[in-house]
Amino acid sequence: MDTAQMNSIVFSTASPDAGLKSVIEKNPADIIKLIGDSGLRGRGGAGFPTSMKWRFASEAKNDEKNIVCNADEGEPGTFKDRLVLSEYADIVFEGMTIAALAVGAQKGILYLRGEYTFLVASLESVLADRREKNLLGKNILGRDGFDFDIEIRMGVGAYICGEETALIESLEGQRGEPRNRPPFPVDTGFLGQPTVVNNVETLAYVSCIAAKGPEWFKGFGTEKSTGLKLFSVSGDCEKPGVYEFPMGVTIAELLKAVEGEGAKAVQVGGASGQCVPAEEFGRRVCYEDIATGGSIIVFGQERDMLCVVKNFLEFFVEESCGQCTPCREGNAKLLEGIELLEKGKCSMTYLKELCSLGETMQLASKCGLGQSSPNVFLSVAKHFQCELMGRIN
């Protein structure tokens, strides 16, 4: 793979609103099919087929529907959406508008991470410009009855609000806690109305697919994981930053591009992802192998993996909403075990019990936070036992 070519983000070459103009006369079913033919799946991490989510919302029996862009981006090590909103906001808003046409939505909301207040003025300026050009508002681009506008709502600085139902709770002025599902947001979402929640990156690629066609997108990636993907790369490498690669790129290929060869491990998927050791750098980043929302953290040979785990668990203890017992109590217990390991007071028996607890959390927690927070602990316990054994009493 020629990584040098892939590091130029495709959004930088997109023609303004070419995608929206190409679908403005299409019926909703055809737009949904176009996105389905591309194989696009949610780029926020869950990987749910975008067209399927749109179809469910379009079939919902309600005249009031919503498109929500999830720009909360609270996963440690993730900053790609910030770049997209800073430099390519038009493409994101275009994607929201295409989604609205496909679903039959009248209202759009950009749910922006609380720490990204510095972006608000520029984003509002882009929205105002789009209204002037009849790309938002009444009868968009002359299509009679196509009325859609977008407003910006600020997040509350809570990691849990990256989960779509907790995000919707926050939008409604409630405490950010995950809802029981079903019903799903595509049927009963914001204010009880059908609501599509898509990630920033997902919506940006929607615009490109509408402009370039589904076959263009399918020309990248693997059979089951089509297209391109943005990665936020940080840690022990010479060239951190935001990169674009085809789905299916190997960790080794990615490390070569960022000059991070010789790493001890790579955390794929941020704090809630998997810690991959050097002997597994041939694995591919795609839905059939290692899925990710886009965070890549490189750990060099000098990194203490126990310190890495402790850092992440301290974050999850702080960010757990406390709604369910496995997450609320489990993360605290895992952190307690790490602190015992640091002091040389953790037995092998207790370490095994902690691993069992982590597996229980993955199964019993209510939402993705508790289901994924034990990942790094379990990964390090499996792949870096040598670093833990010297601390076991």
Protein backbone atom coordinates (compact mmCIF):
# COMPACT_ATOMS: atom_id res chain seq x y z
CA MET A 1 0.00 0.00 0.00
CA ASP A 2 1.26 3.49 -0.87
CA THR A 3 0.57 5.17 2.46
CA ALA A 4 1.88 8.53 1.24
CA GLN A 5 -1.10 8.83 -1.08
CA MET A 6 -3.62 7.86 1.55
CA ASN A 7 -2.58 10.51 4.05
CA SER A 8 -4.20 13.27 1.97
CA ILE A 9 -7.75 13.37 3.35
CA VAL A 10 -10.34 12.95 0.59
CA PHE A 11 -12.52 15.75 2.01
CA SER A 12 -9.90 18.26 0.88
CA THR A 13 -10.67 17.45 -2.78
CA ALA A 14 -14.46 17.40 -2.48
CA SER A 15 -16.45 19.75 -4.72
CA PRO A 16 -18.74 22.01 -2.65
CA ASP A 17 -22.17 20.42 -2.27
CA ALA A 18 -21.74 18.20 -5.33
CA GLY A 19 -23.24 15.32 -3.37
CA LEU A 20 -26.36 17.20 -2.28
CA LYS A 21 -26.93 18.57 -5.78
CA SER A 22 -26.61 15.09 -7.26
CA VAL A 23 -29.36 13.63 -5.05
CA ILE A 24 -31.69 16.63 -4.71
CA GLU A 25 -34.14 15.22 -7.28
CA LYS A 26 -33.91 11.60 -6.09
CA ASN A 27 -36.59 9.95 -3.99
CA PRO A 28 -35.65 8.95 -0.42
CA ALA A 29 -35.54 5.21 -1.16
CA ASP A 30 -33.00 5.74 -3.93
CA ILE A 31 -30.77 7.84 -1.68
CA ILE A 32 -30.86 5.18 1.01
CA LYS A 33 -30.04 2.52 -1.57
CA LEU A 34 -27.10 4.57 -2.84
CA ILE A 35 -25.60 4.71 0.66
CA GLY A 36 -26.39 1.03 1.18
CA ASP A 37 -24.63 0.07 -2.05
CA SER A 38 -21.47 1.79 -0.80
CA GLY A 39 -21.34 -0.44 2.29
CA LEU A 40 -20.84 2.59 4.57
CA ARG A 41 -20.98 1.69 8.26
CA GLY A 42 -20.94 4.06 11.21
CA ARG A 43 -17.48 5.55 11.70
CA GLY A 44 -18.02 6.32 15.39
CA GLY A 45 -16.99 2.82 16.42
CA ALA A 46 -20.16 0.71 16.51
CA GLY A 47 -20.11 0.05 12.76
CA PHE A 48 -23.89 -0.17 12.27
CA PRO A 49 -24.86 0.02 8.56
CA THR A 50 -25.73 3.65 7.84
CA SER A 51 -28.38 2.89 5.25
CA MET A 52 -30.18 0.50 7.58
CA LYS A 53 -30.42 3.15 10.29
CA TRP A 54 -31.78 5.63 7.74
CA ARG A 55 -34.30 3.13 6.39
CA PHE A 56 -35.68 2.36 9.84
CA ALA A 57 -36.14 6.08 10.54
CA SER A 58 -37.71 6.72 7.13
CA GLU A 59 -40.29 3.99 7.77
CA ALA A 60 -41.20 5.31 11.23
CA LYS A 61 -44.76 6.60 11.49
CA ASN A 62 -44.19 10.17 12.61
CA ASP A 63 -44.22 13.46 10.72
CA GLU A 64 -41.49 15.02 12.91
CA LYS A 65 -38.02 13.50 12.47
CA ASN A 66 -34.50 14.57 13.39
CA ILE A 67 -30.90 14.19 12.23
CA VAL A 68 -28.33 14.44 15.02
CA CYS A 69 -24.61 14.70 14.32
CA ASN A 70 -22.65 13.23 17.20
CA ALA A 71 -19.63 15.52 17.58
CA ASP A 72 -19.04 14.72 21.24
CA GLU A 73 -15.71 12.95 20.52
CA GLY A 74 -14.92 12.16 24.16
CA GLU A 75 -12.82 9.02 23.59
CA PRO A 76 -9.27 9.60 24.87
CA GLY A 77 -6.84 9.77 21.96
CA THR A 78 -9.47 10.84 19.42
CA PHE A 79 -9.31 14.21 17.67
CA LYS A 80 -10.19 13.51 14.02
CA ASP A 81 -13.70 14.96 14.23
CA ARG A 82 -12.26 18.21 15.57
CA LEU A 83 -10.14 18.46 12.42
CA VAL A 84 -13.08 17.68 10.14
CA LEU A 85 -15.27 20.31 11.80
CA SER A 86 -12.45 22.84 11.75
CA GLU A 87 -11.63 22.47 8.06
CA TYR A 88 -14.51 20.65 6.36
CA ALA A 89 -17.66 21.63 8.27
CA ASP A 90 -19.52 22.26 5.00
CA ILE A 91 -19.19 18.61 4.07
CA VAL A 92 -20.57 17.47 7.43
CA PHE A 93 -23.58 19.80 7.19
CA GLU A 94 -24.10 18.63 3.60
CA GLY A 95 -24.15 15.03 4.84
CA MET A 96 -26.76 15.93 7.47
CA THR A 97 -28.88 17.54 4.76
CA ILE A 98 -28.64 14.46 2.53
CA ALA A 99 -29.65 12.31 5.50
CA ALA A 100 -32.62 14.60 6.14
CA LEU A 101 -33.79 14.25 2.55
CA ALA A 102 -33.49 10.46 2.77
CA VAL A 103 -35.27 10.16 6.11
CA GLY A 104 -37.80 12.98 5.82
CA ALA A 105 -36.39 15.02 8.70
CA GLN A 106 -37.02 18.70 9.31
CA LYS A 107 -34.61 19.39 12.17
CA GLY A 108 -30.88 18.87 12.49
CA ILE A 109 -28.75 19.18 15.61
CA LEU A 110 -24.97 19.23 15.88
CA TYR A 111 -24.18 17.95 19.37
CA LEU A 112 -20.75 19.47 19.94
CA ARG A 113 -18.29 18.37 22.59
CA GLY A 114 -18.29 20.80 25.53
CA GLU A 115 -14.55 21.39 25.16
CA TYR A 116 -14.98 22.49 21.53
CA THR A 117 -16.60 25.87 22.25
CA PHE A 118 -13.82 27.52 20.22
CA LEU A 119 -15.40 26.03 17.07
CA VAL A 120 -18.86 27.51 17.58
CA ALA A 121 -18.33 30.89 15.88
CA SER A 122 -16.85 29.36 12.72
CA LEU A 123 -19.54 26.67 12.58
CA GLU A 124 -22.32 29.24 12.96
CA SER A 125 -20.73 31.22 10.14
CA VAL A 126 -20.78 28.15 7.88
CA LEU A 127 -24.44 27.54 8.73
CA ALA A 128 -25.34 31.16 7.98
CA ASP A 129 -23.58 30.94 4.63
CA ARG A 130 -25.47 27.75 3.76
CA ARG A 131 -28.78 29.44 4.56
CA GLU A 132 -27.84 32.32 2.25
CA LYS A 133 -27.18 29.84 -0.56
CA ASN A 134 -30.49 28.01 0.03
CA LEU A 135 -28.59 24.90 1.17
CA LEU A 136 -30.56 25.07 4.43
CA GLY A 137 -34.00 26.44 5.22
CA LYS A 138 -37.16 26.31 3.09
CA ASN A 139 -37.41 24.48 -0.24
CA ILE A 140 -33.70 23.64 -0.31
CA LEU A 141 -32.17 24.01 -3.80
CA GLY A 142 -35.65 24.53 -5.17
CA ARG A 143 -37.07 21.20 -4.04
CA ASP A 144 -40.60 21.97 -2.98
CA GLY A 145 -41.33 20.90 0.59
CA PHE A 146 -37.73 20.07 1.47
CA ASP A 147 -37.39 22.16 4.62
CA PHE A 148 -34.45 21.47 6.91
CA ASP A 149 -32.24 23.50 9.21
CA ILE A 150 -29.46 22.81 11.70
CA GLU A 151 -28.70 24.18 15.14
CA ILE A 152 -25.70 23.68 17.41
CA ARG A 153 -26.12 22.31 20.93
CA MET A 154 -23.21 22.04 23.34
CA GLY A 155 -22.35 18.83 25.18
CA VAL A 156 -21.84 18.70 28.92
CA GLY A 157 -18.32 17.30 29.01
CA ALA A 158 -19.46 13.76 29.84
CA TYR A 159 -17.92 10.71 28.15
CA ILE A 160 -21.17 8.77 28.47
CA CYS A 161 -22.94 11.26 26.16
CA GLY A 162 -21.05 9.79 23.23
CA GLU A 163 -23.55 6.92 23.51
CA GLU A 164 -26.50 7.90 21.34
CA THR A 165 -29.32 7.47 23.84
CA ALA A 166 -27.40 9.27 26.60
CA LEU A 167 -26.73 12.03 24.05
CA ILE A 168 -30.46 12.31 23.38
CA GLU A 169 -31.17 12.47 27.11
CA SER A 170 -28.68 15.34 27.33
CA LEU A 171 -30.35 17.13 24.40
CA GLU A 172 -33.65 16.93 26.26
CA GLY A 173 -32.11 18.56 29.33
CA GLN A 174 -31.85 15.36 31.32
CA ARG A 175 -28.87 13.73 33.01
CA GLY A 176 -26.78 11.90 30.41
CA GLU A 177 -27.67 8.27 31.06
CA PRO A 178 -28.24 5.47 28.53
CA ARG A 179 -31.82 4.50 27.85
CA ASN A 180 -33.17 0.98 27.80
CA ARG A 181 -33.48 -0.32 24.24
CA PRO A 182 -35.87 -1.02 22.58
CA PRO A 183 -37.33 1.37 21.63
CA PHE A 184 -34.44 2.60 19.49
CA PRO A 185 -33.80 6.23 18.58
CA VAL A 186 -34.79 5.64 14.93
CA ASP A 187 -38.30 4.99 16.25
CA THR A 188 -38.41 6.93 19.54
CA GLY A 189 -35.56 9.38 19.89
CA PHE A 190 -35.31 13.12 20.58
CA LEU A 191 -38.60 14.34 22.10
CA GLY A 192 -40.08 10.94 21.29
CA GLN A 193 -39.57 11.50 17.57
CA PRO A 194 -37.67 9.25 15.12
CA THR A 195 -34.05 10.34 15.28
CA VAL A 196 -30.96 9.35 13.30
CA VAL A 197 -27.68 9.81 15.18
CA ASN A 198 -24.60 9.69 12.96
CA ASN A 199 -20.96 10.46 13.67
CA VAL A 200 -19.16 13.48 12.12
CA GLU A 201 -16.93 11.31 9.94
CA THR A 202 -19.84 9.15 8.77
CA LEU A 203 -21.77 12.18 7.54
CA ALA A 204 -18.73 13.63 5.80
CA TYR A 205 -18.27 10.39 3.87
CA VAL A 206 -21.99 10.43 2.98
CA SER A 207 -21.37 13.65 1.04
CA CYS A 208 -18.42 12.12 -0.81
CA ILE A 209 -20.36 8.95 -1.67
CA ALA A 210 -23.28 10.98 -3.00
CA ALA A 211 -20.89 12.97 -5.19
CA LYS A 212 -18.56 10.21 -6.36
CA GLY A 213 -20.85 7.18 -6.25
CA PRO A 214 -20.93 4.00 -4.17
CA GLU A 215 -18.46 2.15 -6.42
CA TRP A 216 -15.81 4.79 -5.71
CA PHE A 217 -16.14 4.14 -1.98
CA LYS A 218 -16.18 0.36 -2.42
CA GLY A 219 -12.92 0.65 -4.28
CA PHE A 220 -11.21 1.04 -0.92
CA GLY A 221 -11.14 -1.32 2.04
CA THR A 222 -12.19 -4.95 2.30
CA GLU A 223 -15.28 -6.85 1.22
CA LYS A 224 -16.91 -6.55 4.64
CA SER A 225 -15.36 -3.20 5.60
CA THR A 226 -15.59 -0.93 2.60
CA GLY A 227 -14.17 2.54 2.18
CA LEU A 228 -11.79 4.89 3.92
CA LYS A 229 -11.30 5.62 7.60
CA LEU A 230 -9.80 8.50 9.57
CA PHE A 231 -7.38 7.75 12.40
CA SER A 232 -6.24 9.99 15.25
CA VAL A 233 -2.66 8.87 15.89
CA SER A 234 -0.82 9.91 19.05
CA GLY A 235 1.77 8.59 21.47
CA ASP A 236 5.31 7.37 20.87
CA CYS A 237 5.72 8.06 17.16
CA GLU A 238 7.53 10.70 15.12
CA LYS A 239 4.52 11.89 13.10
CA PRO A 240 1.34 12.01 15.18
CA GLY A 241 -1.76 13.49 13.59
CA VAL A 242 -4.89 12.65 11.62
CA TYR A 243 -4.44 10.08 8.86
CA GLU A 244 -6.74 8.53 6.27
CA PHE A 245 -6.28 4.89 5.29
CA PRO A 246 -8.44 2.25 3.60
CA MET A 247 -10.27 -0.03 5.98
CA GLY A 248 -8.18 -3.17 6.43
CA VAL A 249 -4.86 -1.37 6.88
CA THR A 250 -2.52 -3.39 9.08
CA ILE A 251 -1.18 -1.93 12.30
CA ALA A 252 2.33 -2.41 10.92
CA GLU A 253 1.51 -0.37 7.79
CA LEU A 254 0.01 2.37 9.91
CA LEU A 255 3.04 2.46 12.22
CA LYS A 256 5.36 2.76 9.24
CA ALA A 257 3.44 5.80 7.97
CA VAL A 258 3.62 7.57 11.35
CA GLU A 259 7.21 6.45 12.01
CA GLY A 260 6.29 4.45 15.07
CA GLU A 261 8.07 1.21 14.18
CA GLY A 262 9.60 -0.54 17.15
CA ALA A 263 6.57 0.11 19.35
CA LYS A 264 5.86 -2.24 22.23
CA ALA A 265 2.09 -2.04 21.78
CA VAL A 266 -0.69 -0.07 20.10
CA GLN A 267 -3.98 0.85 21.71
CA VAL A 268 -6.59 0.57 18.94
CA GLY A 269 -9.87 2.30 19.71
CA GLY A 270 -8.81 4.64 22.51
CA ALA A 271 -9.15 3.88 26.19
CA SER A 272 -12.07 1.52 25.51
CA GLY A 273 -10.28 -0.36 22.74
CA GLN A 274 -7.80 -3.21 22.53
CA CYS A 275 -4.13 -3.15 23.46
CA VAL A 276 -2.35 -4.99 20.64
CA PRO A 277 1.20 -6.32 21.27
CA ALA A 278 4.01 -6.13 18.73
CA GLU A 279 3.70 -9.77 17.69
CA GLU A 280 0.16 -9.02 16.42
CA PHE A 281 0.96 -5.92 14.35
CA GLY A 282 -0.04 -7.85 11.24
CA ARG A 283 -3.69 -7.61 12.29
CA ARG A 284 -6.01 -5.42 10.23
CA VAL A 285 -8.11 -2.50 11.38
CA CYS A 286 -11.55 -3.39 10.07
CA TYR A 287 -14.84 -4.74 11.35
CA GLU A 288 -13.86 -8.37 10.77
CA ASP A 289 -10.68 -8.02 12.83
CA ILE A 290 -10.11 -4.98 15.07
CA ALA A 291 -12.85 -2.37 14.83
CA THR A 292 -12.25 1.17 16.02
CA GLY A 293 -13.77 4.62 16.13
CA GLY A 294 -10.39 5.92 15.02
CA SER A 295 -8.06 6.37 17.99
CA ILE A 296 -4.56 4.89 17.68
CA ILE A 297 -2.20 5.35 20.64
CA VAL A 298 1.37 4.13 20.17
CA PHE A 299 3.31 2.84 23.18
CA GLY A 300 7.09 2.71 22.92
CA GLN A 301 9.40 0.19 24.54
CA GLU A 302 9.90 2.32 27.66
CA ARG A 303 6.21 2.55 28.53
CA ASP A 304 5.06 0.86 31.73
CA MET A 305 1.87 -0.95 30.69
CA LEU A 306 0.60 -1.03 34.25
CA CYS A 307 0.70 2.78 34.28
CA VAL A 308 -1.20 2.78 30.99
CA VAL A 309 -3.97 0.62 32.45
CA LYS A 310 -4.15 2.71 35.61
CA ASN A 311 -4.48 5.91 33.62
CA PHE A 312 -7.38 4.54 31.57
CA LEU A 313 -9.19 3.03 34.55
CA GLU A 314 -8.96 6.27 36.51
CA PHE A 315 -10.70 7.89 33.56
CA PHE A 316 -13.49 5.30 33.48
CA VAL A 317 -14.08 5.45 37.23
CA GLU A 318 -14.55 9.19 36.85
CA GLU A 319 -16.74 8.99 33.73
CA SER A 320 -19.06 6.11 34.64
CA CYS A 321 -22.59 7.46 35.00
CA GLY A 322 -23.14 5.03 37.89
CA GLN A 323 -26.47 3.81 36.56
CA CYS A 324 -25.59 0.11 36.50
CA THR A 325 -23.71 -1.85 39.16
CA PRO A 326 -21.25 -3.78 36.93
CA CYS A 327 -19.76 -0.56 35.58
CA ARG A 328 -20.05 1.56 38.72
CA GLU A 329 -18.49 -0.99 41.05
CA GLY A 330 -16.46 -3.00 38.54
CA ASN A 331 -14.25 -0.16 37.32
CA ALA A 332 -13.46 0.85 40.89
CA LYS A 333 -12.51 -2.75 41.73
CA LEU A 334 -10.26 -3.05 38.69
CA LEU A 335 -8.51 0.19 39.62
CA GLU A 336 -8.11 -1.06 43.17
CA GLY A 337 -6.42 -4.18 41.81
CA ILE A 338 -4.02 -2.11 39.70
CA GLU A 339 -3.06 -0.09 42.76
CA LEU A 340 -2.41 -3.33 44.67
CA LEU A 341 -0.21 -4.53 41.81
CA GLU A 342 1.77 -1.30 42.00
CA LYS A 343 2.45 -1.99 45.67
CA GLY A 344 3.28 -5.66 45.10
CA LYS A 345 0.27 -6.72 47.16
CA CYS A 346 -1.83 -8.47 44.53
CA SER A 347 -1.81 -12.27 44.46
CA MET A 348 -2.13 -14.37 41.30
CA THR A 349 -5.47 -15.65 42.61
CA TYR A 350 -6.79 -12.11 42.98
CA LEU A 351 -5.50 -11.15 39.53
CA LYS A 352 -7.47 -14.03 38.03
CA GLU A 353 -10.56 -12.88 39.95
CA LEU A 354 -10.12 -9.39 38.51
CA CYS A 355 -9.93 -10.82 34.99
CA SER A 356 -13.15 -12.74 35.67
CA LEU A 357 -14.75 -9.52 36.91
CA GLY A 358 -13.71 -7.74 33.71
CA GLU A 359 -15.35 -10.44 31.60
CA THR A 360 -18.52 -10.17 33.68
CA MET A 361 -18.57 -6.40 33.13
CA GLN A 362 -18.33 -6.92 29.39
CA LEU A 363 -21.45 -9.08 29.49
CA ALA A 364 -23.55 -7.39 32.17
CA SER A 365 -23.00 -3.66 31.80
CA LYS A 366 -25.88 -1.65 30.39
CA CYS A 367 -23.98 0.36 27.77
CA GLY A 368 -20.74 0.49 25.84
CA LEU A 369 -18.80 2.24 28.60
CA GLY A 370 -18.96 -0.65 31.07
CA GLN A 371 -18.84 -3.23 28.29
CA SER A 372 -15.57 -1.88 26.92
CA SER A 373 -13.78 -0.30 29.90
CA PRO A 374 -12.25 -3.65 31.01
CA ASN A 375 -10.71 -4.19 27.55
CA VAL A 376 -7.33 -2.64 28.23
CA PHE A 377 -6.99 -4.41 31.59
CA LEU A 378 -7.77 -7.78 30.04
CA SER A 379 -5.51 -7.12 27.04
CA VAL A 380 -2.52 -6.17 29.19
CA ALA A 381 -3.11 -9.07 31.58
CA LYS A 382 -3.08 -11.41 28.58
CA HIS A 383 -0.22 -9.99 26.50
CA PHE A 384 2.06 -8.38 29.08
CA GLN A 385 2.03 -10.85 31.94
CA CYS A 386 5.79 -10.45 32.30
CA GLU A 387 5.28 -6.82 33.35
CA LEU A 388 2.68 -7.82 35.90
CA MET A 389 4.29 -10.98 37.29
CA GLY A 390 7.14 -9.08 38.91
CA ARG A 391 4.59 -7.12 40.92
CA ILE A 392 2.52 -10.11 42.06
CA ASN A 393 2.87 -11.11 45.67
